[in-house]
C-alpha cells in the first residue's frame, strides 16, 4: 500500500510542477506587460508626443494625412425598368 501511495505522489508531481510553472509564467507575463507600459510612457514623457520621434521607437506610426479620394465622376444610376401593360406576344 505504501508503494502505491509513493507512485501516486510521483505521478502527481509533474502535474503540480506544470501548474506552478504555468502560474509563474503568467506572473512573468503580467509583470513584463507592466514594465513595457512604463517604458512606453517614459519614452513619451521624455521625447514628447510628436509622432516622428515616437515612430523611431515603434510606439506610433507617423501621421502623414489621409489619402485623398479620387475626383472621378460617379457612374449615373441605371434607369428603372419600365413596365408594359401588354402581355408578351406569343411566338408562332
Protein backbone atom coordinates (compact mmCIF):
# COMPACT_ATOMS: atom_id res chain seq x y z
CA UNK A 1 0.00 0.00 0.00
CA UNK A 2 2.86 2.38 0.79
CA UNK A 3 4.43 1.82 -2.62
CA UNK A 4 1.16 2.65 -4.36
CA UNK A 5 0.94 5.95 -2.46
CA UNK A 6 4.53 6.78 -3.36
CA UNK A 7 3.80 6.03 -7.02
CA UNK A 8 0.71 8.25 -6.92
CA UNK A 9 2.73 11.08 -5.40
CA UNK A 10 5.45 10.70 -8.06
CA UNK A 11 2.80 10.63 -10.77
CA UNK A 12 1.13 13.82 -9.47
CA UNK A 13 4.44 15.67 -9.07
CA UNK A 14 4.88 16.55 -12.77
CA UNK A 15 1.32 17.88 -12.92
CA UNK A 16 1.94 20.06 -9.87
CA UNK A 17 5.21 21.30 -11.33
CA UNK A 18 3.47 22.13 -14.61
CA UNK A 19 0.78 24.09 -12.80
CA UNK A 20 3.36 26.00 -10.78
CA UNK A 21 5.37 26.75 -13.93
CA UNK A 22 2.21 27.99 -15.67
CA UNK A 23 1.38 30.26 -12.76
CA UNK A 24 4.94 31.64 -12.72
CA UNK A 25 4.82 32.20 -16.47
CA UNK A 26 1.55 34.12 -16.17
CA UNK A 27 3.03 36.25 -13.39
CA UNK A 28 6.12 36.98 -15.52
CA UNK A 29 3.93 37.96 -18.48
CA UNK A 30 1.86 40.34 -16.38
CA UNK A 31 5.00 41.90 -14.94
CA UNK A 32 6.61 42.25 -18.37
CA UNK A 33 3.47 43.93 -19.73
CA UNK A 34 3.55 46.38 -16.85
CA UNK A 35 7.22 47.13 -17.48
CA UNK A 36 6.59 47.62 -21.20
CA UNK A 37 3.81 50.08 -20.39
CA UNK A 38 6.09 52.01 -18.04
CA UNK A 39 8.81 52.16 -20.70
CA UNK A 40 6.37 53.37 -23.35
CA UNK A 41 5.11 56.10 -21.05
CA UNK A 42 8.68 57.07 -20.09
CA UNK A 43 9.65 57.45 -23.76
CA UNK A 44 6.57 59.57 -24.43
CA UNK A 45 7.31 61.67 -21.35
CA UNK A 46 10.93 62.21 -22.35
CA UNK A 47 10.51 62.83 -26.09
CA UNK A 48 7.00 64.27 -26.13
CA UNK A 49 4.06 63.06 -28.12
CA UNK A 50 5.41 64.01 -31.54
CA UNK A 51 4.71 61.13 -33.88
CA UNK A 52 8.03 61.36 -35.74
CA UNK A 53 10.14 60.69 -32.65
CA UNK A 54 7.77 58.05 -31.28
CA UNK A 55 7.88 56.24 -34.63
CA UNK A 56 11.61 55.70 -34.11
CA UNK A 57 10.74 53.56 -31.09
CA UNK A 58 7.84 51.80 -32.79
CA UNK A 59 5.28 53.38 -30.49
CA UNK A 60 3.28 55.28 -33.06
CA UNK A 61 3.10 55.43 -36.82
CA UNK A 62 3.73 58.92 -38.16
CA UNK A 63 0.56 60.55 -39.40
CA UNK A 64 1.06 61.61 -42.99
CA UNK A 65 -2.51 62.69 -43.63
CA UNK A 66 -5.37 60.79 -45.11
CA UNK A 67 -5.16 59.79 -48.75
CA UNK A 68 -7.35 61.92 -50.96
CA UNK A 69 -10.32 60.42 -52.69
CA UNK A 70 -10.21 60.40 -56.44
CA UNK A 71 -12.22 63.09 -58.19
CA UNK A 72 -13.80 60.82 -60.80
CA UNK A 73 -17.48 61.39 -61.50
CA UNK A 74 -19.73 58.71 -60.06
CA UNK A 75 -21.50 56.49 -62.54
CA UNK A 76 -25.09 57.58 -63.22
CA UNK A 77 -27.69 55.21 -61.80
CA UNK A 78 -29.43 52.83 -64.18
CA UNK A 79 -32.95 53.86 -65.19
CA UNK A 80 -35.70 51.85 -63.51
CA UNK A 81 -37.23 49.12 -65.66
CA UNK A 82 -40.37 50.18 -67.43
CA UNK A 83 -43.48 48.11 -67.05
CA UNK A 84 -45.72 47.44 -70.04
CA UNK A 85 -49.43 46.76 -69.74
CA UNK A 86 -49.41 44.48 -72.76
CA UNK A 87 -48.71 40.78 -72.21
CA UNK A 88 -45.74 39.44 -74.15
CA UNK A 89 -46.72 38.27 -77.61
CA UNK A 90 -46.66 34.57 -78.29
CA UNK A 91 -44.25 33.42 -80.94
CA UNK A 92 -45.87 31.18 -83.56
